[in-house]
Each structure stands twice: as structure tokens, then as C-alpha cells.
Amino acid sequence: MTEETTENTGGRTAECAAICPAESATEDMTPASLEILLLERRPLPADEFAAAYRYQEFLYCLKELTKIFEVRHKELIGIIKTERLRSDEFVIEIPTDDVVDKDLLMDELPDIYDSLVFIKSSDAKRFIGQKELYDLAVDTAGRTRVAEVERVNLLDLRKALPAGEAARYVKKEPHESLTRVVRVEK
């Protein structure tokens, strides 16, 4: 195991006990305190490739853990609500959003309603279809303007042409956000 250094722990390993003592089950956890706990348990290797690989492992684990935690959180909220549990320390808070009461607006101010009403583009696509929306955009905004954002779906291309011919019109485009470190097989 790599020795903990200022470079691979950010010099914060000693802070962990102060930030998140083991006996404090209800202490607020922060990303910084969780990072300290992780790096205390799994210090970063000095090699940049190995360190990037370790962070990649952390990211994968945290992504999967997020799914598990969301399920557990939802289950516990359900139990608290269903059993009407009470706590001296916590309360359930349900955030709200301001939204337009469209039925009331339509009934009382139909002209205003008609001037403001719309549907989301995803719904328009579902109702009208991609090709029809494209044609409407070209008719409305002109081909030159629409050409800047035109797309061809890869699956549609593969359905329209034989595999060998379709492959000629496919190119590799780097996806920087998915860059990862891969361990070399020995």
C-alpha cells in the first residue's frame, strides 16, 4: 500500500477524525469529509496513471452507490411517511415548485393562456415526428439556419443502408467526457 503523503491525500488525513468522528452517526457529511475518508482508506498512488485509475474506480463505485442509496433513502422516506414516524431531531420536508395553474388560467384568462401555451419539443416530436419537425423548421427558419444543427441518427442510417455501405458513412468522434484509464494486460 502506498504511504500517505501530502500529494496523495491533500495533506488532510489528520482532519478526518475532527470532521467526521466515528461516533457521530448524524453529523453532516460533506464531499470533502467523504474524500478524506476514502483517501485515508485508499490513498492515491504517486503515479498519475494509477491515481487517475483509482479516481476512476471511485467514480464508478460512487455512481453505483448512488443508485443503492437512492433506493434505500426512498424506502426509508416511505416507511417514515407510511408509519407516520416522528423525531425530535428531524422532520420531513417536501420542496415545492411554483407552477402555473393552467386550468384556472385557461378558464379565467383564455386570451393570455392562448398567447403563452406551448408544448415541449419532446412532446412535439412524439406527436408530429422528427422528419415533420425538421421540415417545419426548414419552412420556418430556412435551410441555411437549420443546416447548422442538422443530425442523422446512426440507427436510422444502419436501417436505410446495407451494413457495408452504412459503415462508409460512419466516423469515430472522440468523446472526451468518457476518457478513462485502462489497465494494460500483461
N, C-alpha and C. Protein backbone atom coordinates (compact mmCIF):
# COMPACT_ATOMS: atom_id res chain seq x y z
N MET A 1 0.84 -1.18 0.00
CA MET A 1 0.00 0.00 0.00
C MET A 1 0.89 1.24 0.00
N THR A 2 0.50 2.24 -0.75
CA THR A 2 1.26 3.47 -0.87
C THR A 2 1.21 4.25 0.44
N GLU A 3 2.33 4.82 0.82
CA GLU A 3 2.39 5.65 2.01
C GLU A 3 1.62 6.94 1.77
N GLU A 4 0.89 7.38 2.81
CA GLU A 4 0.14 8.63 2.68
C GLU A 4 1.10 9.80 2.69
N THR A 5 0.94 10.67 1.72
CA THR A 5 1.76 11.86 1.62
C THR A 5 0.86 13.06 1.39
N THR A 6 1.43 14.25 1.50
CA THR A 6 0.65 15.46 1.22
C THR A 6 0.12 15.43 -0.20
N GLU A 7 0.90 14.87 -1.15
CA GLU A 7 0.49 14.84 -2.55
C GLU A 7 -0.72 13.94 -2.78
N ASN A 8 -0.78 12.79 -2.09
CA ASN A 8 -1.87 11.87 -2.41
C ASN A 8 -3.05 11.94 -1.45
N THR A 9 -2.98 12.76 -0.43
CA THR A 9 -4.15 12.92 0.46
C THR A 9 -4.54 14.38 0.59
N GLY A 10 -3.81 15.24 -0.08
CA GLY A 10 -4.09 16.66 0.04
C GLY A 10 -3.68 17.20 1.40
N GLY A 11 -2.92 16.41 2.18
CA GLY A 11 -2.47 16.84 3.49
C GLY A 11 -3.57 16.91 4.52
N ARG A 12 -4.69 16.20 4.26
CA ARG A 12 -5.85 16.35 5.14
C ARG A 12 -6.20 15.10 5.91
N THR A 13 -5.40 14.06 5.87
CA THR A 13 -5.77 12.80 6.51
C THR A 13 -6.06 13.00 7.99
N ALA A 14 -5.29 13.81 8.67
CA ALA A 14 -5.47 14.01 10.10
C ALA A 14 -6.78 14.73 10.42
N GLU A 15 -7.33 15.45 9.44
CA GLU A 15 -8.58 16.18 9.66
C GLU A 15 -9.78 15.25 9.80
N CYS A 16 -9.67 14.03 9.33
CA CYS A 16 -10.82 13.15 9.23
C CYS A 16 -11.53 12.95 10.57
N ALA A 17 -10.79 12.69 11.63
CA ALA A 17 -11.40 12.46 12.93
C ALA A 17 -12.17 13.69 13.40
N ALA A 18 -11.66 14.86 13.10
CA ALA A 18 -12.34 16.09 13.52
C ALA A 18 -13.59 16.35 12.69
N ILE A 19 -13.53 16.05 11.39
CA ILE A 19 -14.66 16.34 10.50
C ILE A 19 -15.78 15.33 10.66
N CYS A 20 -15.45 14.09 10.80
CA CYS A 20 -16.48 13.04 10.83
C CYS A 20 -16.08 11.97 11.85
N PRO A 21 -16.22 12.25 13.16
CA PRO A 21 -15.86 11.25 14.16
C PRO A 21 -16.72 10.01 14.02
N ALA A 22 -16.14 8.85 14.34
CA ALA A 22 -16.82 7.57 14.16
C ALA A 22 -18.13 7.50 14.93
N GLU A 23 -18.21 8.13 16.09
CA GLU A 23 -19.41 8.02 16.91
C GLU A 23 -20.52 8.97 16.52
N SER A 24 -20.33 9.80 15.52
CA SER A 24 -21.33 10.80 15.16
C SER A 24 -22.15 10.36 13.96
N ALA A 25 -23.14 9.52 14.21
CA ALA A 25 -23.95 8.97 13.13
C ALA A 25 -24.79 10.03 12.42
N THR A 26 -25.10 11.12 13.11
CA THR A 26 -25.96 12.13 12.49
C THR A 26 -25.19 13.38 12.07
N GLU A 27 -23.87 13.36 12.14
CA GLU A 27 -23.09 14.51 11.69
C GLU A 27 -23.30 14.71 10.19
N ASP A 28 -23.34 15.97 9.78
CA ASP A 28 -23.45 16.25 8.35
C ASP A 28 -22.19 15.81 7.64
N MET A 29 -22.37 15.03 6.57
CA MET A 29 -21.23 14.61 5.77
C MET A 29 -21.11 15.56 4.59
N THR A 30 -19.90 15.87 4.23
CA THR A 30 -19.64 16.75 3.09
C THR A 30 -18.82 15.99 2.08
N PRO A 31 -18.78 16.45 0.83
CA PRO A 31 -17.89 15.80 -0.14
C PRO A 31 -16.45 15.77 0.35
N ALA A 32 -16.01 16.85 1.00
CA ALA A 32 -14.62 16.90 1.50
C ALA A 32 -14.38 15.84 2.57
N SER A 33 -15.34 15.68 3.50
CA SER A 33 -15.14 14.69 4.56
C SER A 33 -15.17 13.27 3.98
N LEU A 34 -16.01 13.03 2.98
CA LEU A 34 -16.05 11.71 2.36
C LEU A 34 -14.77 11.44 1.58
N GLU A 35 -14.26 12.48 0.91
CA GLU A 35 -12.99 12.31 0.20
C GLU A 35 -11.87 11.96 1.17
N ILE A 36 -11.85 12.62 2.31
CA ILE A 36 -10.83 12.33 3.32
C ILE A 36 -10.96 10.88 3.79
N LEU A 37 -12.18 10.43 4.05
CA LEU A 37 -12.38 9.04 4.48
C LEU A 37 -11.90 8.05 3.41
N LEU A 38 -12.26 8.32 2.16
CA LEU A 38 -11.84 7.44 1.08
C LEU A 38 -10.32 7.40 0.92
N LEU A 39 -9.71 8.59 0.94
CA LEU A 39 -8.27 8.66 0.74
C LEU A 39 -7.49 8.12 1.94
N GLU A 40 -8.11 8.17 3.11
CA GLU A 40 -7.48 7.57 4.29
C GLU A 40 -7.46 6.05 4.15
N ARG A 41 -8.54 5.52 3.64
CA ARG A 41 -8.65 4.06 3.46
C ARG A 41 -7.92 3.58 2.21
N ARG A 42 -8.00 4.37 1.13
CA ARG A 42 -7.37 4.01 -0.15
C ARG A 42 -6.55 5.18 -0.67
N PRO A 43 -5.35 5.41 -0.11
CA PRO A 43 -4.52 6.54 -0.55
C PRO A 43 -4.21 6.46 -2.05
N LEU A 44 -4.02 7.62 -2.64
CA LEU A 44 -3.71 7.68 -4.06
C LEU A 44 -2.27 7.26 -4.31
N PRO A 45 -2.05 6.43 -5.32
CA PRO A 45 -0.68 6.11 -5.70
C PRO A 45 0.01 7.37 -6.24
N ALA A 46 1.34 7.39 -6.17
CA ALA A 46 2.10 8.55 -6.64
C ALA A 46 2.06 8.68 -8.16
N ASP A 47 1.99 7.57 -8.88
CA ASP A 47 1.95 7.56 -10.34
C ASP A 47 0.62 8.16 -10.82
N GLU A 48 0.70 9.11 -11.76
CA GLU A 48 -0.51 9.79 -12.24
C GLU A 48 -1.50 8.84 -12.89
N PHE A 49 -1.00 7.86 -13.67
CA PHE A 49 -1.91 6.91 -14.31
C PHE A 49 -2.65 6.09 -13.25
N ALA A 50 -1.90 5.59 -12.27
CA ALA A 50 -2.51 4.78 -11.21
C ALA A 50 -3.48 5.62 -10.38
N ALA A 51 -3.12 6.88 -10.12
CA ALA A 51 -4.01 7.76 -9.36
C ALA A 51 -5.29 8.04 -10.15
N ALA A 52 -5.14 8.30 -11.47
CA ALA A 52 -6.32 8.53 -12.31
C ALA A 52 -7.20 7.28 -12.34
N TYR A 53 -6.56 6.11 -12.38
CA TYR A 53 -7.30 4.85 -12.36
C TYR A 53 -8.06 4.70 -11.04
N ARG A 54 -7.42 5.05 -9.91
CA ARG A 54 -8.07 4.98 -8.60
C ARG A 54 -9.29 5.89 -8.56
N TYR A 55 -9.13 7.14 -9.05
CA TYR A 55 -10.28 8.05 -9.09
C TYR A 55 -11.39 7.50 -9.98
N GLN A 56 -11.01 6.87 -11.06
CA GLN A 56 -11.99 6.24 -11.96
C GLN A 56 -12.76 5.16 -11.20
N GLU A 57 -12.04 4.36 -10.40
CA GLU A 57 -12.70 3.34 -9.58
C GLU A 57 -13.65 3.99 -8.58
N PHE A 58 -13.19 5.08 -7.94
CA PHE A 58 -14.05 5.81 -7.01
C PHE A 58 -15.32 6.27 -7.70
N LEU A 59 -15.16 6.87 -8.90
CA LEU A 59 -16.31 7.39 -9.64
C LEU A 59 -17.31 6.28 -9.95
N TYR A 60 -16.82 5.13 -10.40
CA TYR A 60 -17.71 4.02 -10.71
C TYR A 60 -18.44 3.57 -9.45
N CYS A 61 -17.69 3.38 -8.37
CA CYS A 61 -18.30 2.92 -7.12
C CYS A 61 -19.32 3.93 -6.59
N LEU A 62 -18.98 5.21 -6.66
CA LEU A 62 -19.92 6.23 -6.17
C LEU A 62 -21.17 6.29 -7.03
N LYS A 63 -21.02 6.08 -8.34
CA LYS A 63 -22.19 6.06 -9.23
C LYS A 63 -23.11 4.90 -8.85
N GLU A 64 -22.53 3.73 -8.64
CA GLU A 64 -23.34 2.56 -8.26
C GLU A 64 -23.91 2.74 -6.86
N LEU A 65 -23.11 3.29 -5.96
CA LEU A 65 -23.56 3.52 -4.59
C LEU A 65 -24.70 4.53 -4.56
N THR A 66 -24.66 5.51 -5.45
CA THR A 66 -25.74 6.50 -5.53
C THR A 66 -27.07 5.80 -5.82
N LYS A 67 -27.06 4.83 -6.72
CA LYS A 67 -28.29 4.09 -7.03
C LYS A 67 -28.80 3.36 -5.80
N ILE A 68 -27.90 2.70 -5.09
CA ILE A 68 -28.28 1.95 -3.88
C ILE A 68 -28.81 2.91 -2.83
N PHE A 69 -28.10 4.02 -2.61
CA PHE A 69 -28.51 4.98 -1.59
C PHE A 69 -29.85 5.62 -1.93
N GLU A 70 -30.10 5.89 -3.23
CA GLU A 70 -31.39 6.47 -3.62
C GLU A 70 -32.53 5.52 -3.30
N VAL A 71 -32.33 4.22 -3.57
CA VAL A 71 -33.36 3.22 -3.25
C VAL A 71 -33.58 3.16 -1.75
N ARG A 72 -32.50 3.06 -0.98
CA ARG A 72 -32.62 2.98 0.49
C ARG A 72 -33.26 4.24 1.05
N HIS A 73 -32.86 5.41 0.54
CA HIS A 73 -33.44 6.68 1.00
C HIS A 73 -34.94 6.70 0.73
N LYS A 74 -35.33 6.32 -0.47
CA LYS A 74 -36.75 6.31 -0.84
C LYS A 74 -37.53 5.34 0.05
N GLU A 75 -36.95 4.16 0.31
CA GLU A 75 -37.61 3.18 1.18
C GLU A 75 -37.80 3.74 2.58
N LEU A 76 -36.77 4.37 3.13
CA LEU A 76 -36.86 4.92 4.48
C LEU A 76 -37.86 6.08 4.55
N ILE A 77 -37.88 6.94 3.54
CA ILE A 77 -38.87 8.02 3.50
C ILE A 77 -40.27 7.41 3.45
N GLY A 78 -40.44 6.36 2.67
CA GLY A 78 -41.73 5.67 2.59
C GLY A 78 -42.16 5.11 3.94
N ILE A 79 -41.25 4.50 4.66
CA ILE A 79 -41.55 3.96 5.99
C ILE A 79 -41.94 5.09 6.94
N ILE A 80 -41.16 6.16 6.93
CA ILE A 80 -41.43 7.30 7.81
C ILE A 80 -42.82 7.86 7.53
N LYS A 81 -43.18 8.01 6.25
CA LYS A 81 -44.49 8.57 5.91
C LYS A 81 -45.62 7.59 6.20
N THR A 82 -45.44 6.33 5.79
CA THR A 82 -46.49 5.33 5.98
C THR A 82 -46.79 5.09 7.45
N GLU A 83 -45.75 4.98 8.25
CA GLU A 83 -45.91 4.70 9.68
C GLU A 83 -46.05 5.97 10.51
N ARG A 84 -46.05 7.12 9.81
CA ARG A 84 -46.19 8.42 10.47
C ARG A 84 -45.23 8.55 11.66
N LEU A 85 -43.98 8.22 11.40
CA LEU A 85 -42.96 8.29 12.45
C LEU A 85 -42.64 9.74 12.78
N ARG A 86 -42.24 9.98 14.00
CA ARG A 86 -41.88 11.32 14.46
C ARG A 86 -40.47 11.28 15.03
N SER A 87 -39.79 12.43 14.98
CA SER A 87 -38.44 12.55 15.51
C SER A 87 -38.29 13.91 16.17
N ASP A 88 -37.55 13.93 17.28
CA ASP A 88 -37.24 15.20 17.93
C ASP A 88 -36.13 15.93 17.19
N GLU A 89 -35.39 15.19 16.38
CA GLU A 89 -34.20 15.74 15.73
C GLU A 89 -34.41 16.08 14.25
N PHE A 90 -35.37 15.41 13.57
CA PHE A 90 -35.56 15.58 12.14
C PHE A 90 -37.02 15.76 11.79
N VAL A 91 -37.29 16.38 10.63
CA VAL A 91 -38.63 16.48 10.06
C VAL A 91 -38.52 16.17 8.57
N ILE A 92 -39.61 15.73 7.99
CA ILE A 92 -39.67 15.51 6.54
C ILE A 92 -40.04 16.84 5.91
N GLU A 93 -39.28 17.25 4.93
CA GLU A 93 -39.55 18.50 4.21
C GLU A 93 -39.71 18.15 2.73
N ILE A 94 -40.85 18.52 2.17
CA ILE A 94 -41.11 18.25 0.76
C ILE A 94 -41.05 19.57 0.01
N PRO A 95 -40.00 19.77 -0.79
CA PRO A 95 -39.88 21.02 -1.55
C PRO A 95 -41.03 21.16 -2.55
N THR A 96 -41.36 22.38 -2.85
CA THR A 96 -42.41 22.64 -3.85
C THR A 96 -41.87 23.59 -4.91
N ASP A 97 -42.45 23.54 -6.07
CA ASP A 97 -42.12 24.43 -7.16
C ASP A 97 -43.36 25.27 -7.47
N ASP A 98 -43.16 26.51 -7.86
CA ASP A 98 -44.26 27.33 -8.36
C ASP A 98 -44.54 26.90 -9.79
N VAL A 99 -45.78 26.54 -10.08
CA VAL A 99 -46.18 26.16 -11.43
C VAL A 99 -47.48 26.88 -11.77
N VAL A 100 -47.72 27.06 -13.02
CA VAL A 100 -48.94 27.74 -13.47
C VAL A 100 -50.12 26.79 -13.34
N ASP A 101 -51.20 27.28 -12.74
CA ASP A 101 -52.46 26.53 -12.70
C ASP A 101 -53.11 26.77 -14.05
N LYS A 102 -52.76 25.92 -15.02
CA LYS A 102 -53.17 26.18 -16.39
C LYS A 102 -54.68 26.09 -16.57
N ASP A 103 -55.35 25.21 -15.82
CA ASP A 103 -56.80 25.12 -15.95
C ASP A 103 -57.48 26.42 -15.49
N LEU A 104 -57.01 26.98 -14.37
CA LEU A 104 -57.58 28.24 -13.88
C LEU A 104 -57.28 29.38 -14.85
N LEU A 105 -56.03 29.44 -15.34
CA LEU A 105 -55.66 30.47 -16.30
C LEU A 105 -56.50 30.36 -17.57
N MET A 106 -56.68 29.13 -18.07
CA MET A 106 -57.45 28.92 -19.29
C MET A 106 -58.91 29.34 -19.08
N ASP A 107 -59.47 29.05 -17.91
CA ASP A 107 -60.87 29.41 -17.62
C ASP A 107 -61.06 30.92 -17.46
N GLU A 108 -60.13 31.56 -16.71
CA GLU A 108 -60.34 32.97 -16.37
C GLU A 108 -59.72 33.95 -17.37
N LEU A 109 -58.58 33.57 -17.99
CA LEU A 109 -57.92 34.47 -18.94
C LEU A 109 -57.52 33.68 -20.20
N PRO A 110 -58.52 33.27 -20.99
CA PRO A 110 -58.22 32.43 -22.14
C PRO A 110 -57.31 33.08 -23.18
N ASP A 111 -57.38 34.39 -23.35
CA ASP A 111 -56.50 35.06 -24.33
C ASP A 111 -55.04 35.00 -23.88
N ILE A 112 -54.81 35.23 -22.60
CA ILE A 112 -53.45 35.14 -22.06
C ILE A 112 -52.96 33.69 -22.16
N TYR A 113 -53.85 32.75 -21.80
CA TYR A 113 -53.49 31.33 -21.90
C TYR A 113 -53.07 31.00 -23.33
N ASP A 114 -53.88 31.39 -24.30
CA ASP A 114 -53.58 31.08 -25.71
C ASP A 114 -52.27 31.71 -26.17
N SER A 115 -51.92 32.88 -25.63
CA SER A 115 -50.69 33.54 -26.06
C SER A 115 -49.44 32.92 -25.40
N LEU A 116 -49.61 32.19 -24.31
CA LEU A 116 -48.48 31.64 -23.58
C LEU A 116 -48.33 30.13 -23.68
N VAL A 117 -49.37 29.45 -24.06
CA VAL A 117 -49.34 27.98 -24.04
C VAL A 117 -48.36 27.42 -25.08
N PHE A 118 -47.70 26.32 -24.75
CA PHE A 118 -46.77 25.64 -25.66
C PHE A 118 -46.68 24.18 -25.25
N ILE A 119 -45.99 23.40 -26.05
CA ILE A 119 -45.66 22.04 -25.66
C ILE A 119 -44.15 21.88 -25.76
N LYS A 120 -43.62 20.95 -24.99
CA LYS A 120 -42.17 20.69 -25.02
C LYS A 120 -41.80 20.07 -26.36
N SER A 121 -40.56 20.30 -26.78
CA SER A 121 -40.10 19.77 -28.06
C SER A 121 -40.16 18.25 -28.09
N SER A 122 -39.94 17.60 -26.96
CA SER A 122 -40.02 16.13 -26.93
C SER A 122 -41.45 15.66 -27.20
N ASP A 123 -42.43 16.42 -26.71
CA ASP A 123 -43.83 16.07 -26.98
C ASP A 123 -44.17 16.34 -28.44
N ALA A 124 -43.68 17.45 -28.99
CA ALA A 124 -43.92 17.77 -30.40
C ALA A 124 -43.33 16.66 -31.28
N LYS A 125 -42.15 16.21 -30.93
CA LYS A 125 -41.51 15.13 -31.69
C LYS A 125 -42.36 13.86 -31.63
N ARG A 126 -42.92 13.59 -30.47
CA ARG A 126 -43.76 12.40 -30.31
C ARG A 126 -45.06 12.53 -31.11
N PHE A 127 -45.67 13.72 -31.10
CA PHE A 127 -46.93 13.93 -31.82
C PHE A 127 -46.74 14.04 -33.33
N ILE A 128 -45.72 14.78 -33.76
CA ILE A 128 -45.55 15.11 -35.16
C ILE A 128 -44.54 14.22 -35.87
N GLY A 129 -43.48 13.88 -35.19
CA GLY A 129 -42.41 13.08 -35.79
C GLY A 129 -41.20 13.93 -36.12
N GLN A 130 -40.02 13.32 -36.09
CA GLN A 130 -38.77 14.03 -36.34
C GLN A 130 -38.70 14.67 -37.71
N LYS A 131 -39.06 13.93 -38.73
CA LYS A 131 -38.96 14.42 -40.11
C LYS A 131 -39.90 15.61 -40.34
N GLU A 132 -41.12 15.49 -39.82
CA GLU A 132 -42.07 16.58 -39.99
C GLU A 132 -41.62 17.83 -39.24
N LEU A 133 -41.03 17.65 -38.05
CA LEU A 133 -40.50 18.79 -37.31
C LEU A 133 -39.35 19.43 -38.07
N TYR A 134 -38.51 18.61 -38.67
CA TYR A 134 -37.39 19.12 -39.47
C TYR A 134 -37.93 19.96 -40.62
N ASP A 135 -38.91 19.42 -41.35
CA ASP A 135 -39.48 20.14 -42.49
C ASP A 135 -40.11 21.46 -42.05
N LEU A 136 -40.79 21.44 -40.91
CA LEU A 136 -41.41 22.65 -40.37
C LEU A 136 -40.33 23.68 -40.00
N ALA A 137 -39.23 23.21 -39.41
CA ALA A 137 -38.13 24.11 -39.05
C ALA A 137 -37.51 24.73 -40.29
N VAL A 138 -37.33 23.93 -41.35
CA VAL A 138 -36.77 24.46 -42.60
C VAL A 138 -37.72 25.50 -43.19
N ASP A 139 -39.02 25.19 -43.20
CA ASP A 139 -40.00 26.14 -43.73
C ASP A 139 -40.03 27.43 -42.92
N THR A 140 -39.84 27.32 -41.62
CA THR A 140 -39.93 28.48 -40.73
C THR A 140 -38.64 29.30 -40.68
N ALA A 141 -37.50 28.60 -40.52
CA ALA A 141 -36.23 29.30 -40.28
C ALA A 141 -35.31 29.31 -41.50
N GLY A 142 -35.59 28.49 -42.48
CA GLY A 142 -34.72 28.42 -43.66
C GLY A 142 -33.66 27.34 -43.53
N ARG A 143 -33.31 26.76 -44.67
CA ARG A 143 -32.38 25.63 -44.71
C ARG A 143 -31.00 26.00 -44.18
N THR A 144 -30.52 27.20 -44.49
CA THR A 144 -29.18 27.61 -44.06
C THR A 144 -29.07 27.61 -42.55
N ARG A 145 -30.06 28.15 -41.90
CA ARG A 145 -30.03 28.22 -40.42
C ARG A 145 -30.20 26.83 -39.81
N VAL A 146 -31.06 26.03 -40.36
CA VAL A 146 -31.31 24.68 -39.84
C VAL A 146 -30.10 23.78 -40.08
N ALA A 147 -29.39 23.98 -41.18
CA ALA A 147 -28.25 23.13 -41.52
C ALA A 147 -27.19 23.13 -40.42
N GLU A 148 -27.09 24.22 -39.67
CA GLU A 148 -26.11 24.30 -38.59
C GLU A 148 -26.35 23.29 -37.47
N VAL A 149 -27.58 22.81 -37.35
CA VAL A 149 -27.90 21.88 -36.26
C VAL A 149 -28.46 20.54 -36.76
N GLU A 150 -28.35 20.30 -38.06
CA GLU A 150 -28.86 19.05 -38.62
C GLU A 150 -28.11 17.84 -38.04
N ARG A 151 -28.83 16.74 -37.94
CA ARG A 151 -28.24 15.49 -37.45
C ARG A 151 -28.83 14.34 -38.26
N VAL A 152 -28.08 13.23 -38.30
CA VAL A 152 -28.59 11.98 -38.86
C VAL A 152 -28.38 10.92 -37.80
N ASN A 153 -29.44 10.22 -37.46
CA ASN A 153 -29.38 9.19 -36.43
C ASN A 153 -28.65 7.96 -36.97
N LEU A 154 -27.68 7.47 -36.23
CA LEU A 154 -26.87 6.32 -36.64
C LEU A 154 -27.73 5.07 -36.86
N LEU A 155 -28.68 4.82 -35.99
CA LEU A 155 -29.55 3.64 -36.16
C LEU A 155 -30.41 3.75 -37.42
N ASP A 156 -30.89 4.97 -37.70
CA ASP A 156 -31.68 5.16 -38.92
C ASP A 156 -30.83 4.91 -40.16
N LEU A 157 -29.58 5.38 -40.15
CA LEU A 157 -28.67 5.14 -41.26
C LEU A 157 -28.46 3.64 -41.46
N ARG A 158 -28.24 2.92 -40.36
CA ARG A 158 -27.99 1.48 -40.45
C ARG A 158 -29.22 0.72 -40.94
N LYS A 159 -30.40 1.26 -40.70
CA LYS A 159 -31.62 0.63 -41.21
C LYS A 159 -31.80 0.93 -42.70
N ALA A 160 -31.35 2.11 -43.12
CA ALA A 160 -31.57 2.56 -44.50
C ALA A 160 -30.60 1.96 -45.50
N LEU A 161 -29.40 1.55 -45.04
CA LEU A 161 -28.37 1.05 -45.95
C LEU A 161 -27.86 -0.31 -45.52
N PRO A 162 -27.35 -1.12 -46.47
CA PRO A 162 -26.70 -2.37 -46.08
C PRO A 162 -25.50 -2.06 -45.17
N ALA A 163 -25.16 -2.98 -44.29
CA ALA A 163 -24.12 -2.77 -43.28
C ALA A 163 -22.81 -2.25 -43.87
N GLY A 164 -22.33 -2.87 -44.95
CA GLY A 164 -21.07 -2.45 -45.56
C GLY A 164 -21.12 -1.03 -46.07
N GLU A 165 -22.23 -0.66 -46.68
CA GLU A 165 -22.35 0.69 -47.22
C GLU A 165 -22.55 1.71 -46.10
N ALA A 166 -23.32 1.36 -45.08
CA ALA A 166 -23.55 2.27 -43.96
C ALA A 166 -22.23 2.58 -43.25
N ALA A 167 -21.36 1.59 -43.13
CA ALA A 167 -20.08 1.77 -42.43
C ALA A 167 -19.24 2.86 -43.08
N ARG A 168 -19.39 3.04 -44.37
CA ARG A 168 -18.62 4.06 -45.09
C ARG A 168 -18.98 5.47 -44.62
N TYR A 169 -20.19 5.65 -44.10
CA TYR A 169 -20.66 6.97 -43.69
C TYR A 169 -20.60 7.18 -42.17
N VAL A 170 -19.85 6.33 -41.49
CA VAL A 170 -19.71 6.43 -40.04
C VAL A 170 -18.26 6.77 -39.72
N LYS A 171 -18.05 7.71 -38.82
CA LYS A 171 -16.70 8.09 -38.41
C LYS A 171 -16.62 8.06 -36.89
N LYS A 172 -15.41 7.95 -36.38
CA LYS A 172 -15.17 7.96 -34.94
C LYS A 172 -14.99 9.40 -34.49
N GLU A 173 -15.70 9.77 -33.44
CA GLU A 173 -15.58 11.11 -32.89
C GLU A 173 -15.21 10.97 -31.42
N PRO A 174 -14.11 11.58 -30.98
CA PRO A 174 -13.71 11.45 -29.57
C PRO A 174 -14.81 11.96 -28.64
N HIS A 175 -14.98 11.26 -27.55
CA HIS A 175 -15.95 11.63 -26.54
C HIS A 175 -15.16 11.90 -25.26
N GLU A 176 -14.61 13.12 -25.17
CA GLU A 176 -13.68 13.48 -24.09
C GLU A 176 -14.24 13.19 -22.70
N SER A 177 -15.53 13.37 -22.51
CA SER A 177 -16.10 13.17 -21.17
C SER A 177 -16.06 11.72 -20.73
N LEU A 178 -15.83 10.80 -21.67
CA LEU A 178 -15.76 9.38 -21.32
C LEU A 178 -14.33 8.86 -21.27
N THR A 179 -13.34 9.76 -21.29
CA THR A 179 -11.95 9.33 -21.23
C THR A 179 -11.72 8.54 -19.95
N ARG A 180 -11.00 7.42 -20.08
CA ARG A 180 -10.73 6.59 -18.92
C ARG A 180 -9.34 5.99 -19.00
N VAL A 181 -8.87 5.52 -17.88
CA VAL A 181 -7.58 4.85 -17.80
C VAL A 181 -7.85 3.36 -17.83
N VAL A 182 -7.14 2.64 -18.68
CA VAL A 182 -7.34 1.20 -18.82
C VAL A 182 -6.04 0.50 -18.41
N ARG A 183 -6.19 -0.50 -17.55
CA ARG A 183 -5.03 -1.27 -17.10
C ARG A 183 -4.52 -2.12 -18.26
N VAL A 184 -3.20 -2.11 -18.50
CA VAL A 184 -2.59 -2.87 -19.56
C VAL A 184 -2.49 -4.34 -19.13
N GLU A 185 -2.96 -5.23 -20.02
CA GLU A 185 -2.89 -6.66 -19.73
C GLU A 185 -1.46 -7.12 -19.90
N LYS A 186 -0.98 -7.90 -18.96
CA LYS A 186 0.40 -8.40 -19.03
C LYS A 186 0.44 -9.87 -19.32
